[in-house]
PDB file of all heavy atoms in Angstrom:
ATOM      1  N   SER A   1       7.202  -4.803   1.595  1.00  0.00           N
ATOM      2  CA  SER A   1       8.501  -4.544   0.968  1.00  0.00           C
ATOM      3  C   SER A   1       8.463  -4.809  -0.530  1.00  0.00           C
ATOM      4  O   SER A   1       9.133  -5.708  -1.037  1.00  0.00           O
ATOM      5  CB  SER A   1       9.591  -5.405   1.623  1.00  0.00           C
ATOM      6  OG  SER A   1       9.676  -5.162   2.996  1.00  0.00           O
ATOM      7  N   PRO A   2       7.664  -4.062  -1.286  1.00  0.00           N
ATOM      8  CA  PRO A   2       7.687  -4.243  -2.752  1.00  0.00           C
ATOM      9  C   PRO A   2       8.994  -3.727  -3.330  1.00  0.00           C
ATOM     10  O   PRO A   2       9.513  -2.705  -2.900  1.00  0.00           O
ATOM     11  CB  PRO A   2       6.496  -3.390  -3.216  1.00  0.00           C
ATOM     12  CG  PRO A   2       6.357  -2.343  -2.160  1.00  0.00           C
ATOM     13  CD  PRO A   2       6.770  -2.989  -0.866  1.00  0.00           C
ATOM     14  N   ALA A   3       9.509  -4.447  -4.275  1.00  0.00           N
ATOM     15  CA  ALA A   3      10.758  -4.046  -4.954  1.00  0.00           C
ATOM     16  C   ALA A   3      11.880  -3.790  -3.965  1.00  0.00           C
ATOM     17  O   ALA A   3      12.736  -2.943  -4.172  1.00  0.00           O
ATOM     18  CB  ALA A   3      10.510  -2.800  -5.798  1.00  0.00           C
ATOM     19  N   GLY A   4      11.857  -4.540  -2.855  1.00  0.00           N
ATOM     20  CA  GLY A   4      12.934  -4.429  -1.881  1.00  0.00           C
ATOM     21  C   GLY A   4      12.834  -3.237  -0.946  1.00  0.00           C
ATOM     22  O   GLY A   4      13.731  -3.024  -0.140  1.00  0.00           O
ATOM     23  N   GLU A   5      11.753  -2.441  -1.036  1.00  0.00           N
ATOM     24  CA  GLU A   5      11.607  -1.275  -0.168  1.00  0.00           C
ATOM     25  C   GLU A   5      10.799  -1.642   1.074  1.00  0.00           C
ATOM     26  O   GLU A   5       9.734  -2.237   0.972  1.00  0.00           O
ATOM     27  CB  GLU A   5      10.916  -0.132  -0.917  1.00  0.00           C
ATOM     28  CG  GLU A   5      11.696   0.367  -2.111  1.00  0.00           C
ATOM     29  CD  GLU A   5      10.997   1.547  -2.775  1.00  0.00           C
ATOM     30  OE1 GLU A   5      10.243   2.253  -2.077  1.00  0.00           O
ATOM     31  OE2 GLU A   5      11.198   1.756  -3.966  1.00  0.00           O
ATOM     32  N   SER A   6      11.309  -1.287   2.247  1.00  0.00           N
ATOM     33  CA  SER A   6      10.606  -1.549   3.496  1.00  0.00           C
ATOM     34  C   SER A   6       9.624  -0.415   3.756  1.00  0.00           C
ATOM     35  O   SER A   6      10.018   0.753   3.854  1.00  0.00           O
ATOM     36  CB  SER A   6      11.602  -1.659   4.649  1.00  0.00           C
ATOM     37  OG  SER A   6      10.926  -1.866   5.867  1.00  0.00           O
ATOM     38  N   LEU A   7       8.339  -0.755   3.872  1.00  0.00           N
ATOM     39  CA  LEU A   7       7.300   0.251   4.041  1.00  0.00           C
ATOM     40  C   LEU A   7       6.530   0.026   5.339  1.00  0.00           C
ATOM     41  O   LEU A   7       6.446  -1.100   5.840  1.00  0.00           O
ATOM     42  CB  LEU A   7       6.312   0.213   2.869  1.00  0.00           C
ATOM     43  CG  LEU A   7       6.871   0.470   1.470  1.00  0.00           C
ATOM     44  CD1 LEU A   7       5.769   0.276   0.433  1.00  0.00           C
ATOM     45  CD2 LEU A   7       7.449   1.877   1.376  1.00  0.00           C
ATOM     46  N   LEU A   8       5.960   1.096   5.863  1.00  0.00           N
ATOM     47  CA  LEU A   8       5.025   0.998   6.976  1.00  0.00           C
ATOM     48  C   LEU A   8       3.697   0.536   6.390  1.00  0.00           C
ATOM     49  O   LEU A   8       3.045   1.265   5.657  1.00  0.00           O
ATOM     50  CB  LEU A   8       4.884   2.357   7.678  1.00  0.00           C
ATOM     51  CG  LEU A   8       6.157   2.864   8.369  1.00  0.00           C
ATOM     52  CD1 LEU A   8       5.981   4.306   8.836  1.00  0.00           C
ATOM     53  CD2 LEU A   8       6.508   1.976   9.554  1.00  0.00           C
ATOM     54  N   GLN A   9       3.297  -0.670   6.732  1.00  0.00           N
ATOM     55  CA  GLN A   9       2.256  -1.361   5.987  1.00  0.00           C
ATOM     56  C   GLN A   9       0.857  -0.773   6.211  1.00  0.00           C
ATOM     57  O   GLN A   9       0.498  -0.347   7.314  1.00  0.00           O
ATOM     58  CB  GLN A   9       2.245  -2.841   6.379  1.00  0.00           C
ATOM     59  CG  GLN A   9       1.552  -3.733   5.393  1.00  0.00           C
ATOM     60  CD  GLN A   9       1.982  -5.180   5.544  1.00  0.00           C
ATOM     61  OE1 GLN A   9       2.573  -5.558   6.540  1.00  0.00           O
ATOM     62  NE2 GLN A   9       1.696  -5.995   4.546  1.00  0.00           N
ATOM     63  N   LEU A  10       0.059  -0.809   5.146  1.00  0.00           N
ATOM     64  CA  LEU A  10      -1.335  -0.386   5.163  1.00  0.00           C
ATOM     65  C   LEU A  10      -2.229  -1.591   4.893  1.00  0.00           C
ATOM     66  O   LEU A  10      -1.773  -2.618   4.379  1.00  0.00           O
ATOM     67  CB  LEU A  10      -1.597   0.675   4.095  1.00  0.00           C
ATOM     68  CG  LEU A  10      -0.802   1.979   4.182  1.00  0.00           C
ATOM     69  CD1 LEU A  10      -1.037   2.806   2.925  1.00  0.00           C
ATOM     70  CD2 LEU A  10      -1.200   2.776   5.416  1.00  0.00           C
ATOM     71  N   ALA A  11      -3.525  -1.448   5.215  1.00  0.00           N
ATOM     72  CA  ALA A  11      -4.481  -2.502   4.908  1.00  0.00           C
ATOM     73  C   ALA A  11      -5.891  -1.918   4.881  1.00  0.00           C
ATOM     74  O   ALA A  11      -6.172  -0.929   5.559  1.00  0.00           O
ATOM     75  CB  ALA A  11      -4.404  -3.628   5.931  1.00  0.00           C
ATOM     76  N   VAL A  12      -6.751  -2.541   4.083  1.00  0.00           N
ATOM     77  CA  VAL A  12      -8.173  -2.201   4.046  1.00  0.00           C
ATOM     78  C   VAL A  12      -8.965  -3.494   4.152  1.00  0.00           C
ATOM     79  O   VAL A  12      -8.693  -4.461   3.425  1.00  0.00           O
ATOM     80  CB  VAL A  12      -8.551  -1.469   2.742  1.00  0.00           C
ATOM     81  CG1 VAL A  12     -10.071  -1.310   2.646  1.00  0.00           C
ATOM     82  CG2 VAL A  12      -7.894  -0.105   2.673  1.00  0.00           C
ATOM     83  N   PHE A  13      -9.939  -3.537   5.072  1.00  0.00           N
ATOM     84  CA  PHE A  13     -10.861  -4.653   5.198  1.00  0.00           C
ATOM     85  C   PHE A  13     -12.274  -4.114   4.989  1.00  0.00           C
ATOM     86  O   PHE A  13     -12.629  -3.061   5.522  1.00  0.00           O
ATOM     87  CB  PHE A  13     -10.736  -5.313   6.571  1.00  0.00           C
ATOM     88  CG  PHE A  13      -9.527  -6.195   6.709  1.00  0.00           C
ATOM     89  CD1 PHE A  13      -8.265  -5.645   6.867  1.00  0.00           C
ATOM     90  CD2 PHE A  13      -9.643  -7.575   6.664  1.00  0.00           C
ATOM     91  CE1 PHE A  13      -7.142  -6.447   6.980  1.00  0.00           C
ATOM     92  CE2 PHE A  13      -8.526  -8.391   6.773  1.00  0.00           C
ATOM     93  CZ  PHE A  13      -7.267  -7.831   6.935  1.00  0.00           C
ATOM     94  N   SER A  14     -13.080  -4.861   4.230  1.00  0.00           N
ATOM     95  CA  SER A  14     -14.370  -4.326   3.802  1.00  0.00           C
ATOM     96  C   SER A  14     -15.454  -5.403   3.808  1.00  0.00           C
ATOM     97  O   SER A  14     -15.185  -6.583   3.572  1.00  0.00           O
ATOM     98  CB  SER A  14     -14.241  -3.742   2.382  1.00  0.00           C
ATOM     99  OG  SER A  14     -15.487  -3.401   1.846  1.00  0.00           O
ATOM    100  N   ARG A  15     -16.686  -4.970   4.069  1.00  0.00           N
ATOM    101  CA  ARG A  15     -17.845  -5.857   3.913  1.00  0.00           C
ATOM    102  C   ARG A  15     -18.277  -5.932   2.450  1.00  0.00           C
ATOM    103  O   ARG A  15     -19.087  -6.790   2.082  1.00  0.00           O
ATOM    104  CB  ARG A  15     -19.015  -5.349   4.760  1.00  0.00           C
ATOM    105  CG  ARG A  15     -18.779  -5.338   6.250  1.00  0.00           C
ATOM    106  CD  ARG A  15     -20.029  -4.905   6.981  1.00  0.00           C
ATOM    107  NE  ARG A  15     -19.784  -4.637   8.386  1.00  0.00           N
ATOM    108  CZ  ARG A  15     -19.822  -5.547   9.356  1.00  0.00           C
ATOM    109  NH1 ARG A  15     -20.100  -6.804   9.040  1.00  0.00           N
ATOM    110  NH2 ARG A  15     -19.591  -5.213  10.606  1.00  0.00           N
ATOM    111  N   TYR A  16     -17.761  -5.020   1.635  1.00  0.00           N
ATOM    112  CA  TYR A  16     -18.149  -4.933   0.229  1.00  0.00           C
ATOM    113  C   TYR A  16     -16.970  -5.326  -0.660  1.00  0.00           C
ATOM    114  O   TYR A  16     -15.802  -5.130  -0.289  1.00  0.00           O
ATOM    115  CB  TYR A  16     -18.613  -3.518  -0.102  1.00  0.00           C
ATOM    116  CG  TYR A  16     -19.841  -3.106   0.673  1.00  0.00           C
ATOM    117  CD1 TYR A  16     -19.716  -2.330   1.826  1.00  0.00           C
ATOM    118  CD2 TYR A  16     -21.110  -3.484   0.262  1.00  0.00           C
ATOM    119  CE1 TYR A  16     -20.839  -1.948   2.555  1.00  0.00           C
ATOM    120  CE2 TYR A  16     -22.237  -3.109   0.971  1.00  0.00           C
ATOM    121  CZ  TYR A  16     -22.101  -2.348   2.124  1.00  0.00           C
ATOM    122  OH  TYR A  16     -23.210  -1.979   2.836  1.00  0.00           O
ATOM    123  N   PRO A  17     -17.249  -5.845  -1.856  1.00  0.00           N
ATOM    124  CA  PRO A  17     -16.170  -6.332  -2.730  1.00  0.00           C
ATOM    125  C   PRO A  17     -15.193  -5.234  -3.142  1.00  0.00           C
ATOM    126  O   PRO A  17     -15.592  -4.112  -3.466  1.00  0.00           O
ATOM    127  CB  PRO A  17     -16.938  -6.856  -3.958  1.00  0.00           C
ATOM    128  CG  PRO A  17     -18.319  -7.141  -3.463  1.00  0.00           C
ATOM    129  CD  PRO A  17     -18.592  -6.122  -2.405  1.00  0.00           C
ATOM    130  N   ILE A  18     -13.922  -5.565  -3.095  1.00  0.00           N
ATOM    131  CA  ILE A  18     -12.854  -4.682  -3.565  1.00  0.00           C
ATOM    132  C   ILE A  18     -12.504  -5.102  -4.990  1.00  0.00           C
ATOM    133  O   ILE A  18     -12.059  -6.227  -5.222  1.00  0.00           O
ATOM    134  CB  ILE A  18     -11.626  -4.763  -2.648  1.00  0.00           C
ATOM    135  CG1 ILE A  18     -11.988  -4.272  -1.239  1.00  0.00           C
ATOM    136  CG2 ILE A  18     -10.467  -3.934  -3.213  1.00  0.00           C
ATOM    137  CD1 ILE A  18     -10.872  -4.423  -0.223  1.00  0.00           C
ATOM    138  N   LYS A  19     -12.699  -4.199  -5.947  1.00  0.00           N
ATOM    139  CA  LYS A  19     -12.557  -4.546  -7.362  1.00  0.00           C
ATOM    140  C   LYS A  19     -11.157  -4.294  -7.905  1.00  0.00           C
ATOM    141  O   LYS A  19     -10.578  -5.115  -8.598  1.00  0.00           O
ATOM    142  CB  LYS A  19     -13.597  -3.763  -8.186  1.00  0.00           C
ATOM    143  CG  LYS A  19     -15.033  -4.099  -7.835  1.00  0.00           C
ATOM    144  CD  LYS A  19     -15.344  -5.564  -8.095  1.00  0.00           C
ATOM    145  CE  LYS A  19     -16.792  -5.903  -7.854  1.00  0.00           C
ATOM    146  NZ  LYS A  19     -17.080  -7.335  -8.056  1.00  0.00           N
ATOM    147  N   GLU A  20     -10.618  -3.117  -7.638  1.00  0.00           N
ATOM    148  CA  GLU A  20      -9.292  -2.759  -8.136  1.00  0.00           C
ATOM    149  C   GLU A  20      -8.464  -2.244  -6.956  1.00  0.00           C
ATOM    150  O   GLU A  20      -9.000  -1.685  -6.003  1.00  0.00           O
ATOM    151  CB  GLU A  20      -9.386  -1.684  -9.218  1.00  0.00           C
ATOM    152  CG  GLU A  20     -10.156  -2.093 -10.463  1.00  0.00           C
ATOM    153  CD  GLU A  20      -9.413  -3.105 -11.299  1.00  0.00           C
ATOM    154  OE1 GLU A  20      -8.171  -3.199 -11.144  1.00  0.00           O
ATOM    155  OE2 GLU A  20     -10.056  -3.790 -12.115  1.00  0.00           O
ATOM    156  N   GLU A  21      -7.165  -2.405  -7.044  1.00  0.00           N
ATOM    157  CA  GLU A  21      -6.302  -1.986  -5.938  1.00  0.00           C
ATOM    158  C   GLU A  21      -4.937  -1.552  -6.464  1.00  0.00           C
ATOM    159  O   GLU A  21      -4.459  -2.060  -7.485  1.00  0.00           O
ATOM    160  CB  GLU A  21      -6.156  -3.122  -4.933  1.00  0.00           C
ATOM    161  CG  GLU A  21      -5.715  -4.425  -5.570  1.00  0.00           C
ATOM    162  CD  GLU A  21      -6.037  -5.654  -4.730  1.00  0.00           C
ATOM    163  OE1 GLU A  21      -7.090  -5.669  -4.081  1.00  0.00           O
ATOM    164  OE2 GLU A  21      -5.203  -6.584  -4.745  1.00  0.00           O
ATOM    165  N   HIS A  22      -4.341  -0.613  -5.749  1.00  0.00           N
ATOM    166  CA  HIS A  22      -3.072  -0.059  -6.216  1.00  0.00           C
ATOM    167  C   HIS A  22      -2.307   0.526  -5.027  1.00  0.00           C
ATOM    168  O   HIS A  22      -2.875   1.253  -4.205  1.00  0.00           O
ATOM    169  CB  HIS A  22      -3.327   1.034  -7.256  1.00  0.00           C
ATOM    170  CG  HIS A  22      -2.088   1.724  -7.732  1.00  0.00           C
ATOM    171  ND1 HIS A  22      -1.063   1.067  -8.379  1.00  0.00           N
ATOM    172  CD2 HIS A  22      -1.705   3.025  -7.644  1.00  0.00           C
ATOM    173  CE1 HIS A  22      -0.103   1.922  -8.670  1.00  0.00           C
ATOM    174  NE2 HIS A  22      -0.464   3.116  -8.233  1.00  0.00           N
ATOM    175  N   LEU A  23      -1.028   0.184  -4.937  1.00  0.00           N
ATOM    176  CA  LEU A  23      -0.156   0.726  -3.888  1.00  0.00           C
ATOM    177  C   LEU A  23       0.579   1.947  -4.433  1.00  0.00           C
ATOM    178  O   LEU A  23       1.114   1.929  -5.534  1.00  0.00           O
ATOM    179  CB  LEU A  23       0.854  -0.332  -3.440  1.00  0.00           C
ATOM    180  CG  LEU A  23       1.866   0.107  -2.367  1.00  0.00           C
ATOM    181  CD1 LEU A  23       1.176   0.457  -1.056  1.00  0.00           C
ATOM    182  CD2 LEU A  23       2.916  -0.991  -2.141  1.00  0.00           C
ATOM    183  N   ILE A  24       0.600   3.020  -3.639  1.00  0.00           N
ATOM    184  CA  ILE A  24       1.255   4.275  -4.031  1.00  0.00           C
ATOM    185  C   ILE A  24       2.498   4.448  -3.158  1.00  0.00           C
ATOM    186  O   ILE A  24       2.398   4.624  -1.935  1.00  0.00           O
ATOM    187  CB  ILE A  24       0.303   5.470  -3.848  1.00  0.00           C
ATOM    188  CG1 ILE A  24      -0.985   5.241  -4.642  1.00  0.00           C
ATOM    189  CG2 ILE A  24       0.989   6.768  -4.253  1.00  0.00           C
ATOM    190  CD1 ILE A  24      -2.142   6.095  -4.178  1.00  0.00           C
ATOM    191  N   ILE A  25       3.664   4.405  -3.793  1.00  0.00           N
ATOM    192  CA  ILE A  25       4.938   4.521  -3.065  1.00  0.00           C
ATOM    193  C   ILE A  25       5.515   5.907  -3.299  1.00  0.00           C
ATOM    194  O   ILE A  25       5.531   6.407  -4.425  1.00  0.00           O
ATOM    195  CB  ILE A  25       5.927   3.437  -3.542  1.00  0.00           C
ATOM    196  CG1 ILE A  25       5.348   2.037  -3.292  1.00  0.00           C
ATOM    197  CG2 ILE A  25       7.264   3.576  -2.827  1.00  0.00           C
ATOM    198  CD1 ILE A  25       6.202   0.914  -3.840  1.00  0.00           C
ATOM    199  N   TYR A  26       6.004   6.512  -2.234  1.00  0.00           N
ATOM    200  CA  TYR A  26       6.589   7.850  -2.320  1.00  0.00           C
ATOM    201  C   TYR A  26       8.115   7.753  -2.273  1.00  0.00           C
ATOM    202  O   TYR A  26       8.662   6.922  -1.533  1.00  0.00           O
ATOM    203  CB  TYR A  26       6.104   8.728  -1.170  1.00  0.00           C
ATOM    204  CG  TYR A  26       4.603   8.885  -1.140  1.00  0.00           C
ATOM    205  CD1 TYR A  26       3.851   8.354  -0.100  1.00  0.00           C
ATOM    206  CD2 TYR A  26       3.937   9.550  -2.165  1.00  0.00           C
ATOM    207  CE1 TYR A  26       2.475   8.494  -0.070  1.00  0.00           C
ATOM    208  CE2 TYR A  26       2.556   9.689  -2.140  1.00  0.00           C
ATOM    209  CZ  TYR A  26       1.831   9.159  -1.083  1.00  0.00           C
ATOM    210  OH  TYR A  26       0.468   9.297  -1.066  1.00  0.00           O
ATOM    211  N   PRO A  27       8.807   8.587  -3.030  1.00  0.00           N
ATOM    212  CA  PRO A  27      10.279   8.533  -3.043  1.00  0.00           C
ATOM    213  C   PRO A  27      10.870   8.943  -1.698  1.00  0.00           C
ATOM    214  O   PRO A  27      10.347   9.825  -1.014  1.00  0.00           O
ATOM    215  CB  PRO A  27      10.656   9.533  -4.143  1.00  0.00           C
ATOM    216  CG  PRO A  27       9.476  10.450  -4.250  1.00  0.00           C
ATOM    217  CD  PRO A  27       8.274   9.618  -3.938  1.00  0.00           C
ATOM    218  N   ASP A  28      11.932   8.260  -1.324  1.00  0.00           N
ATOM    219  CA  ASP A  28      12.690   8.602  -0.119  1.00  0.00           C
ATOM    220  C   ASP A  28      11.797   8.614   1.123  1.00  0.00           C
ATOM    221  O   ASP A  28      11.864   9.506   1.955  1.00  0.00           O
ATOM    222  CB  ASP A  28      13.363   9.972  -0.296  1.00  0.00           C
ATOM    223  CG  ASP A  28      14.397  10.253   0.790  1.00  0.00           C
ATOM    224  OD1 ASP A  28      14.946   9.287   1.351  1.00  0.00           O
ATOM    225  OD2 ASP A  28      14.625  11.442   1.097  1.00  0.00           O
ATOM    226  N   SER A  29      10.944   7.595   1.244  1.00  0.00           N
ATOM    227  CA  SER A  29      10.042   7.529   2.394  1.00  0.00           C
ATOM    228  C   SER A  29       9.592   6.095   2.639  1.00  0.00           C
ATOM    229  O   SER A  29       9.397   5.328   1.694  1.00  0.00           O
ATOM    230  CB  SER A  29       8.812   8.419   2.154  1.00  0.00           C
ATOM    231  OG  SER A  29       7.898   8.314   3.227  1.00  0.00           O
ATOM    232  N   LYS A  30       9.416   5.744   3.910  1.00  0.00           N
ATOM    233  CA  LYS A  30       8.844   4.449   4.267  1.00  0.00           C
ATOM    234  C   LYS A  30       7.325   4.513   4.317  1.00  0.00           C
ATOM    235  O   LYS A  30       6.666   3.483   4.483  1.00  0.00           O
ATOM    236  CB  LYS A  30       9.385   3.986   5.628  1.00  0.00           C
ATOM    237  CG  LYS A  30      10.862   3.628   5.624  1.00  0.00           C
ATOM    238  CD  LYS A  30      11.285   3.106   6.975  1.00  0.00           C
ATOM    239  CE  LYS A  30      12.759   2.690   6.966  1.00  0.00           C
ATOM    240  NZ  LYS A  30      13.189   2.143   8.278  1.00  0.00           N
ATOM    241  N   ASN A  31       6.788   5.701   4.223  1.00  0.00           N
ATOM    242  CA  ASN A  31       5.342   5.869   4.244  1.00  0.00           C
ATOM    243  C   ASN A  31       4.759   5.675   2.854  1.00  0.00           C
ATOM    244  O   ASN A  31       5.463   5.816   1.852  1.00  0.00           O
ATOM    245  CB  ASN A  31       4.984   7.250   4.780  1.00  0.00           C
ATOM    246  CG  ASN A  31       5.428   7.427   6.216  1.00  0.00           C
ATOM    247  OD1 ASN A  31       6.609   7.640   6.490  1.00  0.00           O
ATOM    248  ND2 ASN A  31       4.496   7.331   7.131  1.00  0.00           N
ATOM    249  N   CYS A  32       3.468   5.365   2.784  1.00  0.00           N
ATOM    250  CA  CYS A  32       2.850   5.076   1.496  1.00  0.00           C
ATOM    251  C   CYS A  32       1.351   5.314   1.581  1.00  0.00           C
ATOM    252  O   CYS A  32       0.808   5.650   2.634  1.00  0.00           O
ATOM    253  CB  CYS A  32       3.145   3.631   1.080  1.00  0.00           C
ATOM    254  SG  CYS A  32       2.598   2.393   2.283  1.00  0.00           S
ATOM    255  N   SER A  33       0.681   5.141   0.445  1.00  0.00           N
ATOM    256  CA  SER A  33      -0.775   5.218   0.356  1.00  0.00           C
ATOM    257  C   SER A  33      -1.242   4.045  -0.492  1.00  0.00           C
ATOM    258  O   SER A  33      -0.454   3.404  -1.181  1.00  0.00           O
ATOM    259  CB  SER A  33      -1.215   6.535  -0.294  1.00  0.00           C
ATOM    260  OG  SER A  33      -0.806   7.659   0.455  1.00  0.00           O
ATOM    261  N   LEU A  34      -2.527   3.763  -0.418  1.00  0.00           N
ATOM    262  CA  LEU A  34      -3.109   2.771  -1.317  1.00  0.00           C
ATOM    263  C   LEU A  34      -4.450   3.292  -1.818  1.00  0.00           C
ATOM    264  O   LEU A  34      -5.098   4.113  -1.168  1.00  0.00           O
ATOM    265  CB  LEU A  34      -3.262   1.409  -0.640  1.00  0.00           C
ATOM    266  CG  LEU A  34      -4.222   1.253   0.545  1.00  0.00           C
ATOM    267  CD1 LEU A  34      -5.672   1.095   0.100  1.00  0.00           C
ATOM    268  CD2 LEU A  34      -3.813   0.049   1.380  1.00  0.00           C
TER     269      LEU A  34
END
């Protein structure tokens, strides 16, 4: 729920280091990408 928006949550788990990360929110939707 970033900025008060309820989203269908995503996650990534990795054996390798994650360096940069960014959440992509779509207007008028509970769905998202990262």
